N, C-alpha and C. Protein backbone atom coordinates (compact mmCIF):
# COMPACT_ATOMS: atom_id res chain seq x y z
N MET A 1 1.37 -121.65 -175.19
CA MET A 1 2.56 -121.32 -173.88
C MET A 1 2.76 -122.16 -172.89
N ARG A 2 4.08 -122.04 -172.55
CA ARG A 2 4.88 -123.10 -171.70
C ARG A 2 4.51 -122.87 -170.14
N ILE A 3 4.00 -123.28 -169.21
CA ILE A 3 3.71 -122.88 -168.19
C ILE A 3 4.53 -123.75 -167.33
N ALA A 4 5.48 -123.66 -166.07
CA ALA A 4 6.38 -124.46 -165.08
C ALA A 4 5.44 -124.20 -163.74
N VAL A 5 5.54 -125.31 -162.99
CA VAL A 5 4.83 -125.45 -161.72
C VAL A 5 6.06 -126.14 -160.79
N PRO A 6 6.73 -124.95 -160.00
CA PRO A 6 7.91 -125.98 -159.27
C PRO A 6 7.47 -127.02 -158.25
N LEU A 7 7.84 -128.00 -158.28
CA LEU A 7 7.54 -129.19 -157.65
C LEU A 7 8.70 -129.49 -155.98
N LYS A 8 8.62 -129.70 -155.32
CA LYS A 8 9.48 -130.21 -154.34
C LYS A 8 8.43 -131.35 -153.52
N ASN A 9 9.39 -132.74 -153.85
CA ASN A 9 9.11 -134.08 -153.39
C ASN A 9 7.55 -134.45 -153.86
N GLY A 10 7.45 -133.44 -155.76
CA GLY A 10 6.42 -133.74 -156.59
C GLY A 10 4.96 -133.18 -156.29
N ILE A 11 5.16 -132.39 -154.99
CA ILE A 11 3.69 -131.36 -154.96
C ILE A 11 4.71 -130.03 -155.19
N PHE A 12 3.73 -128.92 -155.55
CA PHE A 12 3.76 -127.24 -155.48
C PHE A 12 4.80 -127.28 -154.26
N SER A 13 5.69 -126.72 -154.86
CA SER A 13 6.83 -126.36 -154.13
C SER A 13 6.32 -124.67 -153.90
N ARG A 14 5.96 -124.37 -152.12
CA ARG A 14 6.07 -123.26 -151.51
C ARG A 14 7.22 -122.29 -152.17
N HIS A 15 8.29 -122.83 -151.73
CA HIS A 15 9.47 -121.60 -152.34
C HIS A 15 9.92 -122.15 -154.00
N PHE A 16 9.96 -121.09 -154.67
CA PHE A 16 10.87 -121.80 -155.93
C PHE A 16 11.73 -122.08 -155.62
N GLY A 17 12.60 -121.49 -154.87
CA GLY A 17 14.53 -122.23 -154.80
C GLY A 17 14.33 -123.01 -153.91
N LYS A 18 13.65 -123.29 -153.29
CA LYS A 18 13.74 -125.03 -153.05
C LYS A 18 12.70 -125.90 -153.36
N SER A 19 12.60 -126.02 -155.19
CA SER A 19 11.96 -126.93 -155.83
C SER A 19 12.91 -127.78 -156.14
N ASP A 20 12.61 -129.02 -156.54
CA ASP A 20 13.94 -130.08 -156.68
C ASP A 20 13.81 -130.89 -158.41
N ALA A 21 12.12 -130.18 -158.50
CA ALA A 21 11.83 -130.72 -160.13
C ALA A 21 10.73 -129.74 -160.69
N VAL A 22 10.53 -129.22 -161.92
CA VAL A 22 9.01 -128.94 -162.18
C VAL A 22 8.79 -129.35 -163.24
N ALA A 23 7.61 -129.05 -163.24
CA ALA A 23 6.23 -129.26 -164.37
C ALA A 23 6.00 -128.61 -165.09
N ILE A 24 6.18 -128.87 -166.39
CA ILE A 24 6.01 -128.28 -167.29
C ILE A 24 4.58 -128.21 -168.25
N PHE A 25 3.85 -127.32 -168.10
CA PHE A 25 2.91 -127.65 -168.97
C PHE A 25 2.56 -126.83 -170.19
N ASP A 26 1.99 -127.45 -171.27
CA ASP A 26 1.87 -127.07 -173.06
C ASP A 26 1.08 -126.27 -172.45
N VAL A 27 0.48 -125.05 -173.14
CA VAL A 27 -1.16 -125.06 -173.22
C VAL A 27 -1.28 -124.49 -174.04
N ASN A 28 -2.52 -124.59 -174.65
CA ASN A 28 -3.56 -123.69 -175.77
C ASN A 28 -3.80 -122.35 -175.25
N VAL A 29 -3.68 -121.47 -175.12
CA VAL A 29 -4.09 -120.05 -174.96
C VAL A 29 -5.51 -120.04 -174.86
N GLU A 30 -5.71 -120.15 -175.96
CA GLU A 30 -7.54 -120.14 -176.95
C GLU A 30 -8.17 -120.86 -176.22
N THR A 31 -8.22 -122.45 -176.16
CA THR A 31 -8.67 -123.54 -175.24
C THR A 31 -8.58 -123.68 -173.71
N LYS A 32 -7.16 -122.67 -173.37
CA LYS A 32 -7.12 -122.97 -172.24
C LYS A 32 -6.86 -124.10 -171.92
N ARG A 33 -6.76 -125.50 -173.00
CA ARG A 33 -6.36 -126.90 -172.35
C ARG A 33 -5.11 -127.10 -172.17
N VAL A 34 -4.46 -128.17 -171.92
CA VAL A 34 -3.47 -128.71 -171.34
C VAL A 34 -2.97 -129.55 -172.90
N THR A 35 -1.97 -129.30 -173.45
CA THR A 35 -1.98 -130.19 -174.95
C THR A 35 -0.85 -131.02 -174.43
N CYS A 36 0.46 -131.11 -173.76
CA CYS A 36 1.45 -131.65 -173.25
C CYS A 36 1.87 -131.20 -171.67
N GLN A 37 2.23 -132.53 -171.16
CA GLN A 37 3.04 -132.10 -169.87
C GLN A 37 3.86 -133.07 -169.38
N GLU A 38 4.76 -132.54 -168.98
CA GLU A 38 5.96 -133.11 -168.66
C GLU A 38 6.76 -132.91 -167.00
N ILE A 39 7.40 -133.22 -166.45
CA ILE A 39 8.17 -133.82 -164.92
C ILE A 39 9.79 -133.24 -165.36
N GLN A 40 10.45 -132.41 -165.11
CA GLN A 40 11.61 -132.32 -165.38
C GLN A 40 12.70 -131.94 -164.34
N SER A 41 13.48 -132.95 -163.40
CA SER A 41 14.14 -132.70 -162.54
C SER A 41 15.22 -131.58 -162.84
N ARG A 42 15.05 -131.19 -161.61
CA ARG A 42 16.17 -129.94 -161.99
C ARG A 42 17.65 -130.13 -161.64
N ASN A 43 18.29 -129.31 -162.76
CA ASN A 43 19.67 -129.94 -163.38
C ASN A 43 20.66 -128.59 -162.68
N CYS A 44 20.46 -127.65 -161.53
CA CYS A 44 21.05 -126.91 -161.78
C CYS A 44 21.22 -126.59 -159.88
N ASP A 45 22.11 -125.68 -159.53
CA ASP A 45 22.34 -125.54 -158.19
C ASP A 45 22.14 -124.12 -157.82
N GLY A 46 21.22 -123.89 -156.59
CA GLY A 46 21.02 -122.69 -156.01
C GLY A 46 19.77 -121.87 -157.00
N CYS A 47 19.47 -120.84 -156.52
CA CYS A 47 17.87 -120.25 -157.31
C CYS A 47 18.92 -119.07 -158.98
N GLN A 48 20.03 -119.16 -158.45
CA GLN A 48 20.52 -118.34 -159.87
C GLN A 48 20.37 -119.34 -160.97
N GLY A 49 20.37 -120.19 -160.62
CA GLY A 49 20.40 -121.34 -161.82
C GLY A 49 19.37 -121.50 -162.96
N LEU A 50 18.68 -121.72 -161.81
CA LEU A 50 17.07 -121.51 -162.54
C LEU A 50 16.42 -120.43 -163.60
N PRO A 51 16.70 -119.36 -162.96
CA PRO A 51 15.95 -118.39 -164.36
C PRO A 51 16.32 -118.90 -166.20
N ASN A 52 18.08 -119.27 -166.15
CA ASN A 52 18.46 -119.68 -167.00
C ASN A 52 17.53 -121.13 -167.58
N TRP A 53 18.00 -121.55 -166.98
CA TRP A 53 17.27 -122.79 -167.08
C TRP A 53 16.05 -123.50 -167.87
N PHE A 54 14.91 -122.45 -167.03
CA PHE A 54 13.83 -122.45 -167.59
C PHE A 54 13.41 -121.62 -168.85
N ALA A 55 14.70 -120.52 -169.50
CA ALA A 55 14.78 -119.96 -170.58
C ALA A 55 15.29 -120.99 -171.24
N GLU A 56 16.17 -122.03 -171.21
CA GLU A 56 16.69 -123.00 -172.08
C GLU A 56 15.25 -124.28 -171.93
N LEU A 57 14.66 -123.89 -171.21
CA LEU A 57 13.34 -124.95 -171.36
C LEU A 57 12.07 -124.17 -172.39
N ASN A 58 12.53 -122.85 -172.68
CA ASN A 58 11.83 -122.04 -173.49
C ASN A 58 10.08 -121.75 -172.62
N ILE A 59 10.43 -121.75 -171.43
CA ILE A 59 9.24 -121.22 -170.63
C ILE A 59 8.75 -119.99 -170.82
N ASN A 60 7.43 -119.75 -171.01
CA ASN A 60 6.86 -118.30 -170.99
C ASN A 60 6.30 -117.90 -169.71
N ARG A 61 6.33 -118.64 -168.50
CA ARG A 61 5.33 -118.13 -167.57
C ARG A 61 5.70 -119.18 -165.72
N VAL A 62 5.92 -118.50 -165.09
CA VAL A 62 6.35 -119.60 -163.75
C VAL A 62 4.88 -119.28 -162.92
N LEU A 63 4.33 -120.39 -162.71
CA LEU A 63 3.38 -120.13 -161.52
C LEU A 63 4.05 -120.02 -159.91
N VAL A 64 4.04 -119.48 -158.99
CA VAL A 64 5.10 -119.55 -157.76
C VAL A 64 4.10 -119.36 -156.38
N ALA A 65 4.71 -120.27 -155.51
CA ALA A 65 3.54 -119.46 -154.39
C ALA A 65 4.47 -118.28 -153.76
N GLY A 66 6.28 -118.67 -153.70
CA GLY A 66 6.74 -117.43 -153.17
C GLY A 66 8.22 -117.74 -153.86
N LEU A 67 8.91 -116.30 -153.97
CA LEU A 67 10.00 -116.21 -154.21
C LEU A 67 11.30 -115.64 -153.93
N GLY A 68 12.62 -115.23 -154.44
CA GLY A 68 13.35 -114.14 -153.86
C GLY A 68 13.12 -113.25 -155.06
N GLN A 69 13.99 -111.89 -154.46
CA GLN A 69 13.43 -110.39 -155.49
C GLN A 69 14.48 -111.08 -156.31
N GLY A 70 15.97 -111.71 -156.24
CA GLY A 70 16.83 -112.17 -157.14
C GLY A 70 16.06 -113.28 -157.96
N ALA A 71 15.73 -114.34 -157.93
CA ALA A 71 15.12 -115.11 -158.83
C ALA A 71 13.73 -114.22 -159.83
N LEU A 72 12.97 -113.59 -159.25
CA LEU A 72 11.77 -112.73 -160.05
C LEU A 72 12.55 -111.85 -161.06
N ASN A 73 13.70 -111.15 -160.41
CA ASN A 73 14.22 -110.33 -161.39
C ASN A 73 15.08 -110.85 -162.54
N GLY A 74 15.70 -112.11 -162.35
CA GLY A 74 16.45 -112.85 -163.53
C GLY A 74 15.39 -113.96 -163.97
N LEU A 75 14.34 -113.92 -163.47
CA LEU A 75 12.96 -114.57 -164.73
C LEU A 75 12.40 -113.26 -165.30
N LEU A 76 11.98 -112.49 -164.74
CA LEU A 76 11.98 -111.57 -165.70
C LEU A 76 12.94 -110.48 -166.78
N ALA A 77 13.85 -110.61 -166.64
CA ALA A 77 14.94 -110.37 -167.56
C ALA A 77 15.31 -111.22 -168.79
N ARG A 78 14.37 -112.66 -168.46
CA ARG A 78 14.55 -113.08 -169.23
C ARG A 78 13.09 -113.81 -170.43
N ASN A 79 12.74 -112.54 -170.06
CA ASN A 79 10.75 -112.29 -170.45
C ASN A 79 10.07 -113.64 -170.07
N ILE A 80 10.45 -113.82 -168.64
CA ILE A 80 9.69 -114.86 -168.51
C ILE A 80 8.53 -114.41 -167.14
N ASP A 81 7.43 -114.63 -167.48
CA ASP A 81 6.41 -113.77 -166.65
C ASP A 81 6.26 -115.06 -165.56
N VAL A 82 6.15 -113.91 -164.53
CA VAL A 82 5.87 -114.93 -163.36
C VAL A 82 4.59 -114.58 -162.53
N SER A 83 3.65 -115.57 -161.90
CA SER A 83 2.49 -115.25 -161.55
C SER A 83 2.27 -116.28 -160.22
N SER A 84 1.89 -115.56 -159.11
CA SER A 84 1.10 -116.06 -157.97
C SER A 84 0.24 -117.21 -158.81
N ALA A 85 0.17 -118.64 -157.55
CA ALA A 85 -0.47 -119.72 -158.01
C ALA A 85 -1.46 -119.82 -156.68
N PRO A 86 -2.31 -120.53 -157.28
CA PRO A 86 -3.68 -120.98 -156.17
C PRO A 86 -2.75 -122.25 -155.57
N ARG A 87 -3.03 -122.02 -154.03
CA ARG A 87 -1.99 -123.16 -153.45
C ARG A 87 -2.87 -125.05 -153.27
N HIS A 88 -2.72 -125.15 -154.26
CA HIS A 88 -3.09 -126.97 -154.26
C HIS A 88 -2.10 -127.71 -153.88
N ASP A 89 -1.47 -128.56 -153.80
CA ASP A 89 -0.20 -129.55 -153.71
C ASP A 89 -0.22 -130.31 -154.77
N ASN A 90 -1.29 -130.91 -155.67
CA ASN A 90 -1.09 -131.50 -156.48
C ASN A 90 -0.72 -130.45 -157.82
N PRO A 91 -0.12 -130.71 -158.88
CA PRO A 91 0.50 -129.26 -159.78
C PRO A 91 -0.42 -129.52 -160.74
N ASN A 92 -1.05 -130.53 -161.29
CA ASN A 92 -2.70 -130.31 -161.87
C ASN A 92 -3.88 -129.01 -161.86
N ASP A 93 -4.04 -129.73 -160.02
CA ASP A 93 -5.18 -128.76 -159.46
C ASP A 93 -4.07 -127.39 -159.38
N VAL A 94 -3.23 -127.18 -159.44
CA VAL A 94 -2.18 -125.43 -159.61
C VAL A 94 -2.87 -125.34 -161.16
N ILE A 95 -2.35 -125.94 -162.39
CA ILE A 95 -2.48 -125.29 -163.91
C ILE A 95 -4.08 -125.34 -164.24
N ASN A 96 -4.74 -126.10 -163.27
CA ASN A 96 -6.32 -126.08 -163.77
C ASN A 96 -6.64 -124.52 -163.20
N ALA A 97 -6.42 -124.55 -162.01
CA ALA A 97 -7.21 -123.30 -161.02
C ALA A 97 -6.49 -121.96 -161.83
N TYR A 98 -5.43 -122.34 -162.26
CA TYR A 98 -4.60 -121.30 -163.11
C TYR A 98 -5.40 -120.77 -164.40
N LEU A 99 -5.56 -121.80 -164.91
CA LEU A 99 -6.23 -121.75 -166.22
C LEU A 99 -7.72 -121.30 -166.33
N ALA A 100 -8.49 -121.29 -165.11
CA ALA A 100 -10.13 -121.28 -164.77
C ALA A 100 -9.77 -119.92 -164.45
N ASP A 101 -8.43 -119.24 -164.43
CA ASP A 101 -8.51 -117.43 -164.50
C ASP A 101 -7.41 -117.05 -164.05
N PRO A 102 -7.04 -116.94 -165.75
CA PRO A 102 -5.32 -116.58 -166.11
C PRO A 102 -4.65 -115.36 -165.73
N THR A 103 -5.65 -114.59 -164.75
CA THR A 103 -5.05 -112.74 -164.15
C THR A 103 -3.87 -113.11 -163.82
N PRO A 104 -2.80 -112.42 -163.85
CA PRO A 104 -1.66 -112.43 -163.61
C PRO A 104 -2.33 -112.03 -162.12
N LYS A 105 -1.38 -112.44 -161.25
CA LYS A 105 -1.26 -112.01 -159.59
C LYS A 105 -0.05 -111.86 -159.43
N GLN A 106 0.21 -110.54 -158.51
CA GLN A 106 1.73 -110.53 -158.12
C GLN A 106 1.94 -111.88 -157.04
N PRO A 107 3.45 -112.46 -157.31
CA PRO A 107 3.98 -113.26 -156.47
C PRO A 107 4.52 -112.44 -155.24
N LYS A 108 4.11 -113.72 -153.87
CA LYS A 108 4.82 -113.13 -153.46
C LYS A 108 6.60 -113.31 -152.68
N VAL A 109 7.07 -112.22 -152.58
CA VAL A 109 8.11 -111.56 -152.96
C VAL A 109 9.01 -111.91 -151.11
N CYS A 110 9.37 -113.20 -151.44
CA CYS A 110 10.61 -113.22 -149.23
C CYS A 110 11.62 -112.18 -149.86
N ALA A 111 11.96 -112.09 -148.17
CA ALA A 111 12.22 -110.90 -147.61
C ALA A 111 14.15 -111.64 -147.29
N GLY A 112 13.81 -112.82 -146.48
CA GLY A 112 14.69 -113.58 -146.35
C GLY A 112 14.51 -114.55 -145.48
N HIS A 113 15.65 -115.90 -144.87
CA HIS A 113 15.16 -116.83 -145.22
C HIS A 113 16.46 -117.51 -144.41
N SER A 114 15.89 -118.85 -143.34
CA SER A 114 17.03 -119.46 -142.56
C SER A 114 17.63 -120.90 -143.53
N HIS A 115 19.18 -121.08 -143.51
CA HIS A 115 19.62 -122.06 -144.43
C HIS A 115 19.98 -123.59 -143.58
N GLY A 116 19.05 -122.88 -142.23
CA GLY A 116 19.11 -124.04 -141.12
C GLY A 116 20.95 -124.33 -140.87
N HIS A 117 21.60 -123.32 -140.79
CA HIS A 117 23.15 -123.84 -139.88
C HIS A 117 23.61 -122.45 -139.12
N GLY A 118 22.59 -121.97 -138.46
CA GLY A 118 22.96 -120.83 -136.99
C GLY A 118 22.88 -119.32 -137.82
N HIS A 119 22.22 -118.86 -138.94
CA HIS A 119 22.56 -117.52 -139.45
C HIS A 119 21.63 -117.78 -140.67
N ASP A 120 20.77 -116.13 -140.68
CA ASP A 120 20.28 -116.19 -141.55
C ASP A 120 20.57 -115.30 -142.69
N HIS A 121 19.28 -115.29 -144.20
CA HIS A 121 20.38 -114.58 -145.27
C HIS A 121 19.10 -113.72 -145.64
N SER A 122 19.60 -112.51 -146.61
CA SER A 122 18.48 -112.28 -147.12
C SER A 122 18.52 -113.01 -148.54
N CYS A 123 17.11 -113.03 -149.21
CA CYS A 123 17.35 -113.85 -150.65
C CYS A 123 17.98 -113.18 -151.18
N GLN A 124 18.96 -113.28 -151.78
CA GLN A 124 19.87 -113.44 -152.94
C GLN A 124 19.94 -114.05 -154.05
N HIS A 125 18.29 -114.72 -154.19
CA HIS A 125 18.37 -115.42 -155.43
C HIS A 125 18.46 -114.50 -156.82
């Protein structure tokens, strides 16, 4: 199984769409051990491109702190599971906490956010 942890400046991103990279963990589901780990810099703009990019990377599950409904729908449409992740900064701590309790947890879906230029948008991820 390939599990993605979105990153911002090298730590677990609190919002999926604001990530600038992703930590990818290949996990043996029987032993719950990481067999391979890599970091990929984000190669797409906006939240709309992330589900396609994750599908190209053969991601099976994404661990998130929060994301927009559009991003959630895009991931699910590509058969990528989404689960809320334990709140750790280090991506290794995130994956280890998840592997200790891999029960899927409903992710936090945002209702709106600000782009810092005088007005807000609903999440159209």
